[in-house]
């Protein structure tokens, strides 16, 4: 997949998420303004906006944390205000206590911030009714955010994981493309640039780990058949760490090799680049994964036959490329033990597992309703035929 296509998909996703956030803000304002008769409901839409602009998979949790922070800050602010009155030390004590309690509870950063902000507003305005109104607004905004993030547009763990995988794979493919260009042009500077690009893949792998942790929370709410696919995909995604490291090692070895040795590895590096790029664009396609595994094995087998004498630089490079091929095969969906055996024997006996997600609960229910309605129509038609009615 080209970088332009990836960019377009990213823009389309961002626009869709922004539309969701905008709709939730509008709904929160309407509910607070006309449902609860709040003349200036600024905090309800703010709460919804903050929650819906969080990372995918964490929006519902973000809404709950924001609400907890507001509750904590309001409680502390009201207690301090009722105890000390509107004296000069009230603000200081309210902020300190709200921050200390939130920290003591090991709360997330948004809880800490919202607790302090709520305490500040309660003390600054000195109006208990305003605190109650703020709580009602927070409940409204968080409730609307939960409806949007959990009911209308719930997180899809497999899509989140594959999006992060595709970003990491595209970054790896980009680094290998630069490496292949360096070999083609015999350019040491470009070879070092490829090493730098592959080092930066670490940022994508960190994002992949974050998404993986988020997915484990989301997957607990997923139907068992779908959860198995997500867990299996997460296990495959863990091989991306190894793939990134092995590609970086290959780039470092080729960057320090002489021109003649580099030239022998141009074709397999180009081949692996194409394989990894194809995986990035077809993570949900079992055939794409299988072709990637088969092609990687073919490249590794071919370069091993040209490795040269034992202990030579070409041998080290050949083994490094074999490691990359092994990691690609394992990521594609073949068990690591089977991938290692395939590289050793030159034959891949195992097939990759299915990559498609089973139908979701809503889709299954709609399918059943369609089936039941069809059966009902057939029964009515047969009854009409027996009675002689048209």
Protein backbone atom coordinates (compact mmCIF):
# COMPACT_ATOMS: atom_id res chain seq x y z
CA UNK A 1 0.00 0.00 0.00
CA UNK A 2 1.40 3.43 -0.95
CA UNK A 3 2.07 6.12 1.59
CA UNK A 4 -0.54 8.28 -0.17
CA UNK A 5 -3.18 5.57 0.28
CA UNK A 6 -2.23 5.18 3.94
CA UNK A 7 -2.49 8.93 4.38
CA UNK A 8 -5.93 9.04 2.78
CA UNK A 9 -7.19 6.26 5.01
CA UNK A 10 -5.84 8.08 8.05
CA UNK A 11 -7.56 11.33 7.03
CA UNK A 12 -10.83 9.47 6.43
CA UNK A 13 -10.59 7.87 9.88
CA UNK A 14 -9.81 11.22 11.52
CA UNK A 15 -12.77 12.89 9.81
CA UNK A 16 -15.09 10.10 10.96
CA UNK A 17 -13.87 10.39 14.55
CA UNK A 18 -14.20 14.18 14.45
CA UNK A 19 -17.77 13.83 13.20
CA UNK A 20 -18.54 11.50 16.12
CA UNK A 21 -17.03 13.97 18.60
CA UNK A 22 -18.97 16.86 17.06
CA UNK A 23 -22.25 14.93 17.19
CA UNK A 24 -21.66 13.95 20.83
CA UNK A 25 -20.90 17.57 21.79
CA UNK A 26 -24.10 18.76 20.10
CA UNK A 27 -26.18 16.03 21.77
CA UNK A 28 -24.72 16.79 25.20
CA UNK A 29 -25.46 20.50 24.82
CA UNK A 30 -29.05 19.84 23.69
CA UNK A 31 -29.75 17.42 26.55
CA UNK A 32 -28.28 19.74 29.17
CA UNK A 33 -29.93 22.85 27.73
CA UNK A 34 -33.42 21.56 27.02
CA UNK A 35 -33.57 18.33 29.02
CA UNK A 36 -32.22 19.76 32.30
CA UNK A 37 -33.05 23.42 31.60
CA UNK A 38 -29.47 24.61 32.15
CA UNK A 39 -29.23 28.09 30.56
CA UNK A 40 -25.45 27.89 29.96
CA UNK A 41 -24.46 24.20 29.74
CA UNK A 42 -20.79 24.59 28.85
CA UNK A 43 -19.37 21.66 30.81
CA UNK A 44 -21.60 18.91 29.39
CA UNK A 45 -20.35 19.37 25.80
CA UNK A 46 -16.79 19.87 27.07
CA UNK A 47 -16.96 16.52 28.90
CA UNK A 48 -18.28 14.75 25.82
CA UNK A 49 -15.62 16.33 23.61
CA UNK A 50 -12.74 15.38 25.93
CA UNK A 51 -13.96 11.78 26.13
CA UNK A 52 -14.61 11.33 22.40
CA UNK A 53 -11.24 12.75 21.34
CA UNK A 54 -9.32 10.16 23.36
CA UNK A 55 -7.53 7.27 21.65
CA UNK A 56 -9.75 4.65 20.06
CA UNK A 57 -10.47 1.87 22.50
CA UNK A 58 -10.06 4.20 25.50
CA UNK A 59 -12.89 6.66 24.94
CA UNK A 60 -15.33 4.99 27.31
CA UNK A 61 -12.67 4.65 29.98
CA UNK A 62 -11.72 8.30 29.42
CA UNK A 63 -15.33 9.37 30.07
CA UNK A 64 -15.48 7.37 33.32
CA UNK A 65 -12.15 8.78 34.51
CA UNK A 66 -13.22 12.32 33.72
CA UNK A 67 -16.43 11.83 35.69
CA UNK A 68 -14.51 10.40 38.67
CA UNK A 69 -12.21 13.42 38.66
CA UNK A 70 -15.15 15.80 38.67
CA UNK A 71 -16.82 13.92 41.54
CA UNK A 72 -13.64 13.92 43.60
CA UNK A 73 -12.97 17.63 43.02
CA UNK A 74 -16.53 18.64 43.80
CA UNK A 75 -16.55 16.62 47.01
CA UNK A 76 -13.24 18.02 48.23
CA UNK A 77 -14.16 21.58 47.23
CA UNK A 78 -17.52 21.44 48.98
CA UNK A 79 -16.03 19.96 52.16
CA UNK A 80 -13.25 22.54 52.35
CA UNK A 81 -15.64 25.39 51.57
CA UNK A 82 -18.11 24.20 54.23
CA UNK A 83 -15.32 23.83 56.81
CA UNK A 84 -13.26 26.98 56.25
CA UNK A 85 -15.65 29.22 54.40
CA UNK A 86 -14.41 31.56 51.68
CA UNK A 87 -11.15 32.40 53.45
CA UNK A 88 -7.75 33.05 51.85
CA UNK A 89 -6.45 29.52 52.45
CA UNK A 90 -9.50 27.74 51.11
CA UNK A 91 -8.31 27.60 47.51
CA UNK A 92 -4.85 26.36 48.46
CA UNK A 93 -6.16 23.62 50.71
CA UNK A 94 -8.86 22.49 48.25
CA UNK A 95 -6.40 22.15 45.37
CA UNK A 96 -3.77 20.40 47.49
CA UNK A 97 -6.22 17.91 49.02
CA UNK A 98 -7.86 17.08 45.66
CA UNK A 99 -4.46 16.50 44.03
CA UNK A 100 -3.18 14.48 46.97
CA UNK A 101 -6.24 12.23 47.12
CA UNK A 102 -6.19 11.63 43.36
CA UNK A 103 -2.48 10.77 43.50
CA UNK A 104 -2.96 8.53 46.52
CA UNK A 105 -5.59 6.59 44.61
CA UNK A 106 -3.07 6.20 41.74
CA UNK A 107 -5.53 7.79 39.37
CA UNK A 108 -4.88 8.53 35.72
CA UNK A 109 -3.68 12.01 34.79
CA UNK A 110 -7.11 13.14 33.59
CA UNK A 111 -8.62 12.24 36.99
CA UNK A 112 -5.97 14.28 38.80
CA UNK A 113 -6.46 17.31 36.53
CA UNK A 114 -10.27 17.23 36.66
CA UNK A 115 -10.26 16.84 40.44
CA UNK A 116 -8.13 19.97 40.82
CA UNK A 117 -10.15 21.95 38.25
CA UNK A 118 -13.47 21.04 39.89
CA UNK A 119 -12.18 21.99 43.33
CA UNK A 120 -10.95 25.33 41.95
CA UNK A 121 -14.31 26.13 40.39
CA UNK A 122 -16.26 25.25 43.53
CA UNK A 123 -14.08 27.44 45.74
CA UNK A 124 -13.73 30.29 43.24
CA UNK A 125 -17.48 30.57 42.62
CA UNK A 126 -18.38 29.85 46.24
CA UNK A 127 -21.73 28.50 45.19
CA UNK A 128 -22.81 24.98 46.11
CA UNK A 129 -25.59 25.04 43.55
CA UNK A 130 -22.99 25.64 40.86
CA UNK A 131 -21.15 22.52 42.00
CA UNK A 132 -24.30 20.44 41.70
CA UNK A 133 -24.93 21.86 38.23
CA UNK A 134 -21.38 21.02 37.19
CA UNK A 135 -21.89 17.46 38.41
CA UNK A 136 -25.10 17.17 36.42
CA UNK A 137 -23.31 18.49 33.35
CA UNK A 138 -20.49 16.01 33.85
CA UNK A 139 -22.97 13.14 34.14
CA UNK A 140 -24.71 14.33 30.98
CA UNK A 141 -21.52 14.69 28.95
CA UNK A 142 -20.04 11.41 30.18
CA UNK A 143 -23.32 9.59 29.56
CA UNK A 144 -23.54 10.90 26.00
CA UNK A 145 -19.88 9.95 25.43
CA UNK A 146 -20.55 6.42 26.67
CA UNK A 147 -23.57 6.08 24.38
CA UNK A 148 -21.47 7.14 21.39
CA UNK A 149 -18.34 5.14 22.29
CA UNK A 150 -19.92 1.94 23.64
CA UNK A 151 -23.33 1.61 21.98
CA UNK A 152 -23.42 3.55 18.72
CA UNK A 153 -19.74 3.28 17.72
CA UNK A 154 -18.14 0.64 19.96
CA UNK A 155 -14.42 -0.08 19.62
CA UNK A 156 -13.44 -2.92 17.28
CA UNK A 157 -10.35 -4.48 18.88
CA UNK A 158 -9.18 -6.31 15.77
CA UNK A 159 -9.40 -3.17 13.63
CA UNK A 160 -7.47 -1.16 16.25
CA UNK A 161 -4.75 -3.79 16.41
CA UNK A 162 -4.42 -4.17 12.65
CA UNK A 163 -4.26 -0.42 12.17
CA UNK A 164 -1.26 -0.27 14.52
CA UNK A 165 0.27 -3.33 12.85
CA UNK A 166 -0.11 -1.76 9.40
CA UNK A 167 1.61 1.44 10.58
CA UNK A 168 4.56 -0.56 11.94
CA UNK A 169 4.80 -2.71 8.80
CA UNK A 170 4.72 0.33 6.52
CA UNK A 171 7.50 1.93 8.56
CA UNK A 172 9.60 -1.25 8.28
CA UNK A 173 8.92 -1.46 4.54
CA UNK A 174 9.93 2.19 4.17
CA UNK A 175 13.26 1.54 5.90
CA UNK A 176 13.94 -1.51 3.72
CA UNK A 177 13.10 0.49 0.59
CA UNK A 178 15.73 3.04 1.55
CA UNK A 179 18.16 0.20 2.20
CA UNK A 180 17.52 -1.34 -1.22
CA UNK A 181 18.02 2.08 -2.84
CA UNK A 182 21.32 2.42 -0.97
CA UNK A 183 22.46 -0.94 -2.35
CA UNK A 184 21.36 0.01 -5.87
CA UNK A 185 23.22 3.34 -5.75
CA UNK A 186 26.14 2.10 -3.62
CA UNK A 187 25.44 5.03 -1.30
CA UNK A 188 26.83 4.77 2.24
CA UNK A 189 24.91 7.85 3.39
CA UNK A 190 21.62 6.33 2.20
CA UNK A 191 22.49 3.06 3.94
CA UNK A 192 22.95 4.90 7.23
CA UNK A 193 19.67 6.70 6.61
CA UNK A 194 17.97 3.30 6.28
CA UNK A 195 19.43 2.28 9.64
CA UNK A 196 18.02 5.47 11.17
CA UNK A 197 14.58 4.88 9.67
CA UNK A 198 14.45 1.35 11.01
CA UNK A 199 15.45 2.60 14.45
CA UNK A 200 12.45 4.92 14.37
CA UNK A 201 10.19 1.89 13.91
CA UNK A 202 10.46 1.62 17.70
CA UNK A 203 7.90 4.44 18.02
CA UNK A 204 5.37 2.42 16.02
CA UNK A 205 6.10 -0.68 18.08
CA UNK A 206 5.48 1.27 21.29
CA UNK A 207 2.11 2.36 19.88
CA UNK A 208 1.40 -1.26 18.97
CA UNK A 209 2.09 -2.34 22.56
CA UNK A 210 -0.23 0.38 23.88
CA UNK A 211 -2.99 -0.75 21.52
CA UNK A 212 -2.35 -4.35 22.59
CA UNK A 213 -2.83 -3.46 26.24
CA UNK A 214 -6.01 -1.54 25.42
CA UNK A 215 -7.30 -4.46 23.37
CA UNK A 216 -6.95 -6.85 26.27
CA UNK A 217 -9.44 -4.69 28.18
CA UNK A 218 -11.76 -4.36 25.18
CA UNK A 219 -11.54 -8.07 24.32
CA UNK A 220 -13.02 -9.04 27.68
CA UNK A 221 -16.30 -7.58 26.39
CA UNK A 222 -16.09 -9.40 23.04
CA UNK A 223 -18.00 -12.56 22.14
CA UNK A 224 -15.82 -15.66 22.62
CA UNK A 225 -15.50 -16.55 18.93
CA UNK A 226 -14.33 -13.04 18.11
CA UNK A 227 -12.08 -12.83 21.18
CA UNK A 228 -10.11 -15.85 19.98
CA UNK A 229 -9.32 -14.10 16.70
CA UNK A 230 -8.23 -10.94 18.54
CA UNK A 231 -6.01 -12.85 20.97
CA UNK A 232 -4.42 -14.80 18.12
CA UNK A 233 -3.79 -11.59 16.18
CA UNK A 234 -2.18 -10.07 19.27
CA UNK A 235 0.13 -13.08 19.51
CA UNK A 236 1.12 -12.59 15.87
CA UNK A 237 1.63 -8.86 16.47
CA UNK A 238 4.21 -9.64 19.15
CA UNK A 239 6.47 -10.96 16.38
CA UNK A 240 6.67 -7.43 14.96
CA UNK A 241 9.14 -6.57 17.73
CA UNK A 242 11.37 -9.36 16.47
CA UNK A 243 10.82 -8.40 12.84
CA UNK A 244 11.75 -4.77 13.51
CA UNK A 245 14.90 -5.82 15.36
CA UNK A 246 15.97 -8.33 12.69
CA UNK A 247 15.44 -5.77 9.89
CA UNK A 248 17.51 -3.25 11.82
CA UNK A 249 20.31 -5.79 12.23
CA UNK A 250 20.20 -6.63 8.52
CA UNK A 251 20.43 -2.92 7.65
CA UNK A 252 23.40 -2.41 9.97
CA UNK A 253 25.27 -5.37 8.48
CA UNK A 254 24.59 -4.25 4.91
CA UNK A 255 25.58 -0.66 5.72
CA UNK A 256 29.03 -1.87 6.77
CA UNK A 257 29.48 -4.39 3.93
CA UNK A 258 31.48 -3.76 0.75
CA UNK A 259 29.76 -2.90 -2.52
CA UNK A 260 30.08 -6.38 -4.08
CA UNK A 261 28.57 -8.11 -1.04
CA UNK A 262 25.75 -5.58 -0.82
CA UNK A 263 24.87 -6.06 -4.48
CA UNK A 264 24.17 -9.78 -3.95
CA UNK A 265 21.45 -8.88 -1.44
CA UNK A 266 19.61 -6.24 -3.41
CA UNK A 267 17.03 -8.62 -4.88
CA UNK A 268 16.12 -10.40 -1.61
CA UNK A 269 15.89 -7.06 0.23
CA UNK A 270 13.54 -5.74 -2.49
CA UNK A 271 11.58 -8.97 -2.27
CA UNK A 272 11.18 -8.75 1.51
CA UNK A 273 10.15 -5.11 1.17
CA UNK A 274 7.36 -6.09 -1.21
CA UNK A 275 6.27 -8.92 1.09
CA UNK A 276 6.08 -6.68 4.16
CA UNK A 277 4.27 -3.94 2.23
CA UNK A 278 1.73 -6.46 0.94
CA UNK A 279 1.12 -7.66 4.49
CA UNK A 280 0.45 -4.09 5.62
CA UNK A 281 -2.28 -3.78 3.00
CA UNK A 282 -3.85 -7.21 3.50
CA UNK A 283 -3.76 -8.15 7.18
CA UNK A 284 -7.31 -9.44 7.04
CA UNK A 285 -6.69 -11.61 3.96
CA UNK A 286 -5.54 -15.16 4.67
CA UNK A 287 -4.26 -15.61 1.11
CA UNK A 288 -2.08 -12.50 1.40
CA UNK A 289 -0.58 -13.83 4.62
CA UNK A 290 0.04 -17.24 3.08
CA UNK A 291 1.72 -15.74 0.02
CA UNK A 292 3.88 -13.60 2.29
CA UNK A 293 5.00 -16.68 4.22
CA UNK A 294 5.69 -18.68 1.04
CA UNK A 295 7.54 -15.82 -0.63
CA UNK A 296 9.68 -15.19 2.46
CA UNK A 297 10.66 -18.85 2.57
CA UNK A 298 11.55 -18.78 -1.12
CA UNK A 299 13.80 -15.72 -0.66
CA UNK A 300 15.50 -17.21 2.39
CA UNK A 301 16.12 -20.54 0.62
CA UNK A 302 17.56 -18.84 -2.44
CA UNK A 303 19.96 -16.58 -0.52
CA UNK A 304 21.10 -19.45 1.69
CA UNK A 305 22.22 -21.34 -1.40
CA UNK A 306 24.40 -18.35 -2.32
CA UNK A 307 25.77 -17.76 1.16
CA UNK A 308 29.37 -18.60 0.35
CA UNK A 309 31.99 -20.20 2.60
CA UNK A 310 31.32 -20.59 6.31
CA UNK A 311 32.45 -17.63 8.39
CA UNK A 312 32.40 -15.17 5.50
CA UNK A 313 30.60 -11.84 5.58
CA UNK A 314 28.10 -13.14 3.05
CA UNK A 315 27.25 -16.01 5.40
CA UNK A 316 26.46 -13.64 8.27
CA UNK A 317 24.29 -11.53 5.97
CA UNK A 318 22.51 -14.63 4.66
CA UNK A 319 21.69 -15.76 8.21
CA UNK A 320 20.49 -12.26 9.06
CA UNK A 321 18.17 -12.29 6.06
CA UNK A 322 16.93 -15.75 7.06
CA UNK A 323 16.07 -14.33 10.48
CA UNK A 324 14.00 -11.59 8.84
CA UNK A 325 12.22 -14.19 6.70
CA UNK A 326 11.52 -16.32 9.79
CA UNK A 327 9.99 -13.35 11.60
CA UNK A 328 7.80 -12.53 8.57
CA UNK A 329 6.55 -16.11 8.41
CA UNK A 330 5.80 -16.12 12.14
CA UNK A 331 3.97 -12.78 11.92
CA UNK A 332 1.95 -14.03 8.94
CA UNK A 333 0.40 -16.64 11.23
CA UNK A 334 2.67 -19.69 11.31
CA UNK A 335 3.87 -20.91 14.71
CA UNK A 336 7.45 -19.85 15.35
CA UNK A 337 8.58 -23.47 15.76
CA UNK A 338 7.09 -24.36 12.38
CA UNK A 339 8.60 -21.23 10.81
CA UNK A 340 12.07 -22.18 12.06
CA UNK A 341 11.60 -25.72 10.77
CA UNK A 342 10.50 -24.38 7.37
CA UNK A 343 13.60 -22.21 7.09
CA UNK A 344 15.78 -25.17 8.06
CA UNK A 345 14.21 -27.66 5.62
CA UNK A 346 13.11 -25.26 2.87
CA UNK A 347 9.51 -26.49 3.01
CA UNK A 348 6.51 -24.91 4.73
CA UNK A 349 4.04 -27.60 5.71
CA UNK A 350 1.84 -25.45 7.95
CA UNK A 351 -0.79 -23.08 6.64
CA UNK A 352 -1.57 -19.75 8.25
CA UNK A 353 -4.68 -19.55 10.40
CA UNK A 354 -7.83 -17.74 9.23
CA UNK A 355 -7.47 -13.98 9.52
CA UNK A 356 -11.10 -12.92 9.23
CA UNK A 357 -13.20 -11.94 12.21
CA UNK A 358 -16.33 -14.07 12.81
CA UNK A 359 -19.63 -12.16 12.53
CA UNK A 360 -20.34 -9.83 15.43
CA UNK A 361 -23.27 -10.13 17.79
CA UNK A 362 -25.31 -7.42 15.98
CA UNK A 363 -24.66 -9.03 12.60
CA UNK A 364 -25.68 -12.47 13.90
CA UNK A 365 -28.86 -11.07 15.42
CA UNK A 366 -29.79 -9.24 12.22
CA UNK A 367 -29.11 -12.45 10.26
CA UNK A 368 -31.40 -14.40 12.55
CA UNK A 369 -34.16 -11.78 12.22
CA UNK A 370 -33.88 -11.93 8.43
CA UNK A 371 -34.02 -15.74 8.57
CA UNK A 372 -37.04 -15.74 10.88
CA UNK A 373 -38.89 -13.21 8.71
CA UNK A 374 -38.19 -15.32 5.63
CA UNK A 375 -39.51 -18.44 7.38
CA UNK A 376 -42.62 -16.54 8.44
CA UNK A 377 -43.26 -15.36 4.87
CA UNK A 378 -42.82 -18.92 3.57
CA UNK A 379 -45.31 -20.26 6.13
CA UNK A 380 -47.86 -17.58 5.26
CA UNK A 381 -47.39 -18.33 1.57
CA UNK A 382 -47.88 -22.08 2.09
CA UNK A 383 -50.97 -21.48 4.22
CA UNK A 384 -52.43 -19.23 1.53
CA UNK A 385 -51.76 -21.85 -1.11
CA UNK A 386 -53.50 -24.61 0.89
CA UNK A 387 -56.58 -22.48 1.55
CA UNK A 388 -56.84 -21.57 -2.13
CA UNK A 389 -56.43 -17.84 -1.50
CA UNK A 390 -54.29 -15.86 -3.95
